[in-house]
Amino acid sequence: MLRCSEEEGETDMLSDSHRYFNKAADVLGLSDTIRKILLTPRRSVKVEINIESTTGELLCFTGYRVQHNNSRGPMKGGLRFHPSMDEDHAGALANLMTWKTAVVDVPFGGAKGGIDCDPHEMSEKDLDTVTRLFVEQMKDVIGPTTDIPAPDVNTNAKVMSWIMDEYSKYEGFSPAIVTGKPLDLFGSEGREEATGRGVMNVLAEALGEQGRTFPEITVAIQGFGNVGSHAARLIAEEGARIVAVADHTGGVEKAEGLDIPALIEWVAEEGGVLGFAGGEAFDGPQVITWDADVLIPAALEGAITGDNAGEVQAGIIVEGANAPTTPEAHEILVQKDVLVIPDILANAGGVTVSYFEWAQNLQHYRWELDRVNSELGKVMRKAYRSVRAIADEKQIDMRTAAFVLAIRRVGKAALARRHVETRISFD
């Protein structure tokens, strides 16, 4: 029996990210030529992966790796295992990774990739085989000083350990080839919760500039996977009330605040928030327009659209997911004076601790958890303040300001690497 994954059509993510980029490029007055240079990926690789499954089926998939920019260091970005994965999707996410790493000022460029498979329909043995075949065909274009993958949707520490093991067969002991590895295989303390902790850090900065504190706010969260659950736990520990949580199974709410540790335990056992007895059920999509001070979209992209943005009640949105807000929705939110902390800033905690893990691997020296969390907090809070300074200086929204900051850093690094007789300015 032959079963091949099917492409689900082109995504709008690439055009959306280009729209955000071009808005910032307008602020900087960049020429069309410079824009094209900064937007064009350095390299795009596509490979075929065919295996005979444990059930005797012939499975065929396509693997992708788009490497966008390496002006500021080795390229960095996750691996996503999802049926909708395609070259455009990888290109859009690689583009965002370039700007994300620049915003938090870690020495990486941007890359992204994955395989158009559905791990939920595969045995672990088949997933291991597919992952190793992907590495075998990509080994010449990835590496600790070239391109360092990391977990993303439907990949985790176990998958990263397979990648390290397979790559090391060809290049020798190479723990720095991937980040997000298990602690037993040279991963970093604090990596699992890093993106959620980064969300908490930037929210703390936003509240501070408004003269507010965590115990004064209510929070609604869409998505309760790695990012959403850790953000919820950490923000609740600071005293905020998490009043609504939704995921792919449904939603649960409680005005007095949900018991987040109990909800995390429930989801670990049951696979979703549906049926949790510690609150009232509601239709999951309603969480976007929930009556809360803060909304954290931490699921997949495109959650806030032109259709629902006008009904958003939160005054602060912290984008835990990649590209959860469409450009049309973003403009509506700006007009409503909603503070949107963009994904390339808000969810950069993961890549920041990935940088820490990579540095530890190269040094063969492990940091203690307190140091990881302390350094993460410094990086995220400094990045927020840097973006805020540009937003105030230019009188622009935080997303555009984040792109301005990132483009400046990438552009200046590119010019500094080579002799160019030009009057190009990124100021």
Protein backbone atom coordinates (compact mmCIF):
# COMPACT_ATOMS: atom_id res chain seq x y z
CA MET A 1 0.00 0.00 0.00
CA LEU A 2 1.35 3.44 -0.96
CA ARG A 3 0.51 6.49 1.14
CA CYS A 4 2.09 9.84 0.36
CA SER A 5 1.54 13.12 2.17
CA GLU A 6 -0.26 15.78 0.16
CA GLU A 7 0.52 19.47 0.07
CA GLU A 8 -2.30 21.60 1.41
CA GLY A 9 -1.64 24.65 -0.76
CA GLU A 10 0.53 27.68 -0.31
CA THR A 11 0.48 29.44 3.00
CA ASP A 12 0.04 33.18 3.43
CA MET A 13 2.74 33.26 6.09
CA LEU A 14 5.51 34.27 3.69
CA SER A 15 3.56 37.21 2.26
CA ASP A 16 2.48 38.21 5.78
CA SER A 17 6.05 38.27 7.09
CA HIS A 18 7.12 40.26 4.02
CA ARG A 19 4.39 42.81 4.72
CA TYR A 20 5.67 43.31 8.25
CA PHE A 21 9.24 43.53 6.93
CA ASN A 22 8.34 46.08 4.27
CA LYS A 23 6.50 48.27 6.76
CA ALA A 24 9.67 48.46 8.83
CA ALA A 25 11.80 48.92 5.70
CA ASP A 26 9.65 51.93 4.82
CA VAL A 27 10.52 53.44 8.20
CA LEU A 28 14.22 52.90 7.43
CA GLY A 29 13.90 54.12 3.84
CA LEU A 30 15.48 51.00 2.32
CA SER A 31 15.71 50.60 -1.45
CA ASP A 32 14.00 47.78 -3.32
CA THR A 33 17.40 46.19 -3.99
CA ILE A 34 18.36 46.09 -0.32
CA ARG A 35 14.94 44.69 0.58
CA LYS A 36 15.35 41.91 -1.98
CA ILE A 37 18.81 41.04 -0.66
CA LEU A 38 17.57 40.86 2.94
CA LEU A 39 14.46 38.85 2.10
CA THR A 40 15.94 36.27 -0.28
CA PRO A 41 16.91 32.99 1.44
CA ARG A 42 20.55 32.00 1.23
CA ARG A 43 19.61 28.41 0.39
CA SER A 44 16.59 26.12 0.18
CA VAL A 45 16.99 22.34 0.28
CA LYS A 46 14.30 19.74 -0.43
CA VAL A 47 14.80 15.98 0.00
CA GLU A 48 12.73 12.86 -0.60
CA ILE A 49 12.22 10.40 2.26
CA ASN A 50 10.83 6.94 1.50
CA ILE A 51 10.51 4.11 4.01
CA GLU A 52 8.71 0.81 4.46
CA SER A 53 6.74 1.22 7.68
CA THR A 54 6.40 -1.28 10.49
CA THR A 55 2.98 -2.18 9.06
CA GLY A 56 4.36 -2.86 5.58
CA GLU A 57 3.21 0.39 3.98
CA LEU A 58 5.47 2.36 1.67
CA LEU A 59 5.50 5.89 3.06
CA CYS A 60 6.88 8.83 1.13
CA PHE A 61 7.50 12.27 2.56
CA THR A 62 9.35 15.43 1.65
CA GLY A 63 11.83 17.11 3.96
CA TYR A 64 12.70 20.81 3.82
CA ARG A 65 15.37 23.14 5.18
CA VAL A 66 15.33 26.82 4.25
CA GLN A 67 18.39 28.76 5.39
CA HIS A 68 17.58 32.44 5.28
CA ASN A 69 20.51 34.51 6.55
CA ASN A 70 23.86 33.93 8.28
CA SER A 71 25.19 37.50 8.55
CA ARG A 72 25.08 37.40 12.36
CA GLY A 73 26.16 33.80 12.90
CA PRO A 74 25.18 30.17 12.22
CA MET A 75 21.58 29.77 11.11
CA LYS A 76 19.11 28.60 13.74
CA GLY A 77 15.57 27.34 13.61
CA GLY A 78 13.18 24.55 14.45
CA LEU A 79 12.12 21.36 12.70
CA ARG A 80 8.37 20.96 12.27
CA PHE A 81 6.79 17.58 11.54
CA HIS A 82 3.34 18.37 10.15
CA PRO A 83 1.35 17.41 7.02
CA SER A 84 1.08 21.08 5.99
CA MET A 85 4.85 21.58 5.98
CA ASP A 86 6.10 22.89 2.64
CA GLU A 87 8.84 25.11 1.24
CA ASP A 88 6.83 28.32 1.54
CA HIS A 89 5.99 27.52 5.16
CA ALA A 90 9.64 26.84 5.94
CA GLY A 91 10.69 30.00 4.10
CA ALA A 92 8.31 32.20 6.06
CA LEU A 93 9.40 30.75 9.40
CA ALA A 94 13.11 30.95 8.46
CA ASN A 95 12.60 34.61 7.61
CA LEU A 96 11.03 35.23 11.02
CA MET A 97 13.89 33.40 12.76
CA THR A 98 16.41 35.80 11.23
CA TRP A 99 14.57 38.75 12.74
CA LYS A 100 13.82 36.95 16.02
CA THR A 101 17.45 36.10 16.75
CA ALA A 102 18.43 39.68 15.87
CA VAL A 103 15.79 41.21 18.16
CA VAL A 104 17.17 39.39 21.21
CA ASP A 105 20.73 39.90 19.93
CA VAL A 106 21.94 36.31 20.02
CA PRO A 107 24.64 35.44 17.43
CA PHE A 108 22.50 33.43 15.04
CA GLY A 109 20.82 33.81 11.69
CA GLY A 110 17.54 32.24 10.64
CA ALA A 111 16.55 28.85 9.28
CA LYS A 112 13.56 26.53 9.47
CA GLY A 113 12.53 23.18 8.13
CA GLY A 114 10.72 19.95 8.68
CA ILE A 115 8.97 17.00 7.13
CA ASP A 116 5.40 16.83 5.82
CA CYS A 117 4.52 13.83 7.97
CA ASP A 118 2.02 13.32 10.78
CA PRO A 119 3.81 11.78 13.78
CA HIS A 120 0.46 10.95 15.40
CA GLU A 121 -0.14 8.39 12.63
CA MET A 122 3.33 6.86 12.79
CA SER A 123 5.04 4.40 15.09
CA GLU A 124 8.01 5.68 17.06
CA LYS A 125 10.28 3.35 15.08
CA ASP A 126 9.05 4.79 11.79
CA LEU A 127 9.48 8.33 13.09
CA ASP A 128 13.04 7.50 14.15
CA THR A 129 13.78 6.12 10.68
CA VAL A 130 12.30 9.12 8.89
CA THR A 131 14.25 11.53 11.11
CA ARG A 132 17.54 9.73 10.50
CA LEU A 133 17.00 9.66 6.72
CA PHE A 134 16.33 13.39 6.85
CA VAL A 135 19.62 13.96 8.69
CA GLU A 136 21.52 11.66 6.32
CA GLN A 137 20.46 13.81 3.37
CA MET A 138 20.87 17.16 5.16
CA LYS A 139 24.16 16.49 6.96
CA ASP A 140 26.22 18.50 4.49
CA VAL A 141 24.19 21.69 4.96
CA ILE A 142 23.70 21.62 8.73
CA GLY A 143 26.30 21.69 11.48
CA PRO A 144 27.31 23.31 14.80
CA THR A 145 28.82 26.32 12.99
CA THR A 146 26.48 26.28 9.99
CA ASP A 147 22.85 25.57 10.87
CA ILE A 148 21.58 24.27 14.21
CA PRO A 149 18.05 22.75 14.26
CA ALA A 150 15.76 22.73 17.30
CA PRO A 151 12.32 21.39 18.30
CA ASP A 152 9.15 22.85 16.82
CA VAL A 153 5.61 21.59 16.24
CA ASN A 154 5.43 17.79 16.75
CA THR A 155 9.15 17.45 17.51
CA ASN A 156 10.73 17.20 20.93
CA ALA A 157 13.85 16.33 22.90
CA LYS A 158 13.71 12.70 21.79
CA VAL A 159 13.72 13.67 18.12
CA MET A 160 16.65 16.01 18.78
CA SER A 161 18.57 13.14 20.39
CA TRP A 162 18.06 11.04 17.25
CA ILE A 163 19.38 13.91 15.14
CA MET A 164 22.46 14.31 17.32
CA ASP A 165 23.14 10.58 17.22
CA GLU A 166 22.73 10.30 13.45
CA TYR A 167 24.83 13.38 12.68
CA SER A 168 27.56 12.19 15.07
CA LYS A 169 27.89 8.97 13.06
CA TYR A 170 29.27 11.05 10.21
CA GLU A 171 31.02 13.94 11.97
CA GLY A 172 32.02 12.53 15.36
CA PHE A 173 30.69 13.58 18.76
CA SER A 174 28.58 16.67 18.00
CA PRO A 175 26.24 17.73 20.81
CA ALA A 176 26.08 21.29 19.41
CA ILE A 177 24.41 20.12 16.16
CA VAL A 178 20.95 20.57 17.73
CA THR A 179 19.43 22.23 20.76
CA GLY A 180 16.46 21.19 22.84
CA LYS A 181 18.09 17.86 23.66
CA PRO A 182 17.37 15.79 26.79
CA LEU A 183 19.40 16.77 29.85
CA ASP A 184 21.00 13.31 29.80
CA LEU A 185 22.29 14.07 26.30
CA PHE A 186 23.81 17.50 26.95
CA GLY A 187 20.65 19.57 26.84
CA SER A 188 20.30 22.71 28.94
CA GLU A 189 18.53 23.25 32.21
CA GLY A 190 15.51 25.47 31.66
CA ARG A 191 15.16 24.80 27.93
CA GLU A 192 11.75 23.13 28.11
CA GLU A 193 10.08 26.09 29.79
CA ALA A 194 12.19 28.76 28.09
CA THR A 195 9.62 30.08 25.62
CA GLY A 196 6.93 30.30 28.28
CA ARG A 197 9.35 31.98 30.69
CA GLY A 198 10.26 34.48 27.98
CA VAL A 199 6.56 35.27 27.55
CA MET A 200 6.34 35.94 31.27
CA ASN A 201 9.44 38.16 31.18
CA VAL A 202 8.18 40.47 28.43
CA LEU A 203 4.73 40.63 30.00
CA ALA A 204 6.38 41.73 33.25
CA GLU A 205 8.11 44.57 31.37
CA ALA A 206 4.84 45.61 29.70
CA LEU A 207 3.01 45.65 33.02
CA GLY A 208 5.82 47.58 34.67
CA GLU A 209 5.69 50.39 32.11
CA GLN A 210 1.94 50.64 32.74
CA GLY A 211 2.41 50.70 36.51
CA ARG A 212 0.63 47.37 36.98
CA THR A 213 1.53 44.08 38.64
CA PHE A 214 0.69 40.44 38.01
CA PRO A 215 -1.79 40.10 40.91
CA GLU A 216 -3.88 42.84 39.29
CA ILE A 217 -4.46 41.08 35.96
CA THR A 218 -6.51 38.32 34.37
CA VAL A 219 -5.13 36.21 31.53
CA ALA A 220 -6.67 34.10 28.74
CA ILE A 221 -4.50 31.58 26.90
CA GLN A 222 -5.05 29.87 23.56
CA GLY A 223 -2.99 26.70 23.32
CA PHE A 224 -1.82 24.59 26.25
CA GLY A 225 1.17 22.78 24.85
CA ASN A 226 4.73 23.54 25.84
CA VAL A 227 4.50 27.33 25.50
CA GLY A 228 0.98 27.86 26.82
CA SER A 229 1.26 25.55 29.81
CA HIS A 230 4.60 26.89 31.03
CA ALA A 231 3.53 30.50 30.47
CA ALA A 232 0.34 29.83 32.42
CA ARG A 233 2.20 28.21 35.31
CA LEU A 234 4.85 30.90 35.58
CA ILE A 235 2.41 33.80 35.25
CA ALA A 236 0.07 32.21 37.82
CA GLU A 237 3.01 31.81 40.19
CA GLU A 238 3.51 35.57 39.91
CA GLY A 239 -0.05 36.07 41.16
CA ALA A 240 -2.10 36.56 37.99
CA ARG A 241 -5.44 34.80 37.51
CA ILE A 242 -5.59 32.52 34.47
CA VAL A 243 -9.32 32.76 33.77
CA ALA A 244 -9.61 30.89 30.47
CA VAL A 245 -7.58 28.27 28.61
CA ALA A 246 -8.39 26.67 25.27
CA ASP A 247 -6.71 24.06 23.10
CA HIS A 248 -7.64 21.76 20.20
CA THR A 249 -10.08 19.82 22.42
CA GLY A 250 -12.08 22.77 23.78
CA GLY A 251 -11.94 25.40 26.49
CA VAL A 252 -12.21 25.70 30.27
CA GLU A 253 -12.80 28.87 32.29
CA LYS A 254 -13.05 30.02 35.88
CA ALA A 255 -13.43 33.68 36.85
CA GLU A 256 -11.63 33.15 40.16
CA GLY A 257 -8.65 31.66 38.33
CA LEU A 258 -7.94 28.11 37.16
CA ASP A 259 -5.77 25.74 39.18
CA ILE A 260 -2.96 25.60 36.63
CA PRO A 261 -0.88 22.76 38.18
CA ALA A 262 -4.04 20.62 38.30
CA LEU A 263 -4.88 21.54 34.70
CA ILE A 264 -1.35 20.65 33.55
CA GLU A 265 -1.67 17.26 35.26
CA TRP A 266 -5.08 16.70 33.65
CA VAL A 267 -3.81 17.55 30.15
CA ALA A 268 -0.79 15.25 30.59
CA GLU A 269 -3.14 12.37 31.35
CA GLU A 270 -6.08 13.15 29.05
CA GLY A 271 -4.43 14.91 26.10
CA GLY A 272 -6.41 18.15 26.32
CA VAL A 273 -8.33 20.53 28.55
CA LEU A 274 -11.71 19.02 27.64
CA GLY A 275 -13.40 17.51 30.68
CA PHE A 276 -11.32 19.29 33.32
CA ALA A 277 -13.51 19.47 36.42
CA GLY A 278 -11.88 22.60 37.83
CA GLY A 279 -13.81 24.99 35.61
CA GLU A 280 -16.68 25.44 33.18
CA ALA A 281 -16.41 24.29 29.58
CA PHE A 282 -16.71 26.67 26.64
CA ASP A 283 -16.18 26.62 22.86
CA GLY A 284 -12.41 26.93 22.39
CA PRO A 285 -12.27 29.61 19.65
CA GLN A 286 -14.09 32.03 21.97
CA VAL A 287 -10.90 32.44 24.02
CA ILE A 288 -9.59 35.00 21.48
CA THR A 289 -12.32 37.46 22.47
CA TRP A 290 -12.35 36.59 26.19
CA ASP A 291 -12.91 39.31 28.77
CA ALA A 292 -9.37 39.37 30.18
CA ASP A 293 -6.60 41.92 30.58
CA VAL A 294 -4.07 39.81 28.69
CA LEU A 295 -4.45 37.37 25.80
CA ILE A 296 -1.67 34.90 25.00
CA PRO A 297 -2.16 33.12 21.64
CA ALA A 298 0.18 30.15 21.99
CA ALA A 299 -1.17 27.69 19.40
CA LEU A 300 -0.66 27.72 15.62
CA GLU A 301 -0.54 30.70 13.28
CA GLY A 302 -3.50 32.73 12.07
CA ALA A 303 -5.58 32.63 15.29
CA ILE A 304 -6.38 36.36 15.33
CA THR A 305 -7.83 37.48 12.01
CA GLY A 306 -9.67 40.37 10.49
CA ASP A 307 -12.89 38.60 11.43
CA ASN A 308 -12.31 38.40 15.20
CA ALA A 309 -9.75 41.13 15.95
CA GLY A 310 -12.45 43.77 16.39
CA GLU A 311 -13.97 41.73 19.22
CA VAL A 312 -10.72 41.26 21.17
CA GLN A 313 -11.20 42.59 24.69
CA ALA A 314 -7.67 42.17 26.04
CA GLY A 315 -5.55 45.30 26.31
CA ILE A 316 -2.29 43.35 25.95
CA ILE A 317 -1.56 40.50 23.54
CA VAL A 318 1.62 38.48 24.01
CA GLU A 319 2.25 36.33 20.94
CA GLY A 320 3.49 33.00 22.27
CA ALA A 321 2.94 31.29 18.91
CA ASN A 322 4.61 32.08 15.61
CA ALA A 323 2.51 34.43 13.44
CA PRO A 324 -0.76 34.11 15.40
CA THR A 325 -1.98 37.49 14.12
CA THR A 326 -2.68 38.28 10.46
CA PRO A 327 -1.64 41.68 9.08
CA GLU A 328 -5.29 42.72 8.79
CA ALA A 329 -5.89 41.81 12.42
CA HIS A 330 -2.73 43.60 13.48
CA GLU A 331 -3.90 46.88 11.96
CA ILE A 332 -7.26 46.54 13.69
CA LEU A 333 -5.58 45.91 17.04
CA VAL A 334 -3.26 48.91 16.60
CA GLN A 335 -6.27 51.10 15.87
CA LYS A 336 -7.87 49.77 19.08
CA ASP A 337 -4.72 50.75 21.04
CA VAL A 338 -4.09 47.14 22.00
CA LEU A 339 -0.46 46.56 22.98
CA VAL A 340 0.72 43.66 20.80
CA ILE A 341 4.05 42.18 21.88
CA PRO A 342 5.05 40.48 18.61
CA ASP A 343 6.15 36.90 18.19
CA ILE A 344 9.70 37.77 17.13
CA LEU A 345 10.13 39.29 20.59
CA ALA A 346 7.60 37.52 22.82
CA ASN A 347 8.43 33.90 22.00
CA ALA A 348 12.19 34.37 21.57
CA GLY A 349 12.89 32.79 24.98
CA GLY A 350 13.22 29.41 23.30
CA VAL A 351 15.93 30.44 20.85
CA THR A 352 17.67 32.40 23.61
CA VAL A 353 18.07 29.33 25.81
CA SER A 354 18.92 27.34 22.69
CA TYR A 355 21.82 29.75 22.33
CA PHE A 356 22.77 29.05 25.94
CA GLU A 357 22.62 25.29 25.26
CA TRP A 358 24.75 25.65 22.12
CA ALA A 359 27.32 27.70 24.03
CA GLN A 360 27.41 25.10 26.82
CA ASN A 361 27.92 22.32 24.27
CA LEU A 362 30.81 24.13 22.60
CA GLN A 363 32.39 24.83 26.00
CA HIS A 364 31.62 21.33 27.35
CA TYR A 365 30.41 23.06 30.50
CA ARG A 366 26.92 22.99 32.01
CA TRP A 367 25.21 26.02 33.56
CA GLU A 368 23.03 25.78 36.65
CA LEU A 369 19.29 26.46 36.27
CA ASP A 370 19.44 29.71 38.21
CA ARG A 371 22.04 31.07 35.81
CA VAL A 372 19.99 30.04 32.76
CA ASN A 373 16.84 31.71 34.09
CA SER A 374 18.70 34.81 35.20
CA GLU A 375 20.45 35.27 31.86
CA LEU A 376 17.19 34.62 29.99
CA GLY A 377 15.43 37.30 32.00
CA LYS A 378 18.19 39.80 31.25
CA VAL A 379 18.07 39.10 27.51
CA MET A 380 14.27 39.24 27.19
CA ARG A 381 13.81 42.35 29.31
CA LYS A 382 16.62 44.18 27.51
CA ALA A 383 15.13 43.24 24.14
CA TYR A 384 11.70 44.53 25.20
CA ARG A 385 13.19 47.85 26.31
CA SER A 386 15.15 48.17 23.05
CA VAL A 387 12.01 47.61 20.99
CA ARG A 388 10.03 50.02 23.17
CA ALA A 389 12.68 52.71 22.70
CA ILE A 390 12.38 52.48 18.91
CA ALA A 391 8.58 52.42 19.08
CA ASP A 392 8.59 55.61 21.14
CA GLU A 393 11.28 57.29 19.03
CA LYS A 394 9.58 56.54 15.70
CA GLN A 395 6.00 56.66 17.00
CA ILE A 396 5.30 53.21 15.59
CA ASP A 397 3.77 50.02 16.97
CA MET A 398 5.86 47.38 18.74
CA ARG A 399 5.81 44.88 15.85
CA THR A 400 7.13 47.40 13.36
CA ALA A 401 9.68 48.58 15.93
CA ALA A 402 10.89 45.00 16.46
CA PHE A 403 11.41 44.57 12.73
CA VAL A 404 13.23 47.92 12.54
CA LEU A 405 15.59 46.79 15.30
CA ALA A 406 16.17 43.41 13.65
CA ILE A 407 16.74 44.81 10.16
CA ARG A 408 19.23 47.32 11.55
CA ARG A 409 21.25 44.61 13.27
CA VAL A 410 21.22 42.20 10.32
CA GLY A 411 21.97 44.95 7.80
CA LYS A 412 24.85 46.41 9.79
CA ALA A 413 26.35 42.95 10.34
CA ALA A 414 26.13 42.18 6.61
CA LEU A 415 27.91 45.43 5.74
CA ALA A 416 30.59 44.90 8.39
CA ARG A 417 31.52 41.47 7.00
CA ARG A 418 32.73 42.79 3.66
CA HIS A 419 34.13 45.91 2.01
CA VAL A 420 31.23 47.67 0.35
CA GLU A 421 31.57 51.13 -1.17
CA THR A 422 28.04 52.26 -0.48
CA ARG A 423 26.09 54.92 1.33
CA ILE A 424 23.57 52.43 2.62
CA SER A 425 22.41 53.30 6.11
CA PHE A 426 20.27 51.24 8.47
CA ASP A 427 19.77 54.11 10.90
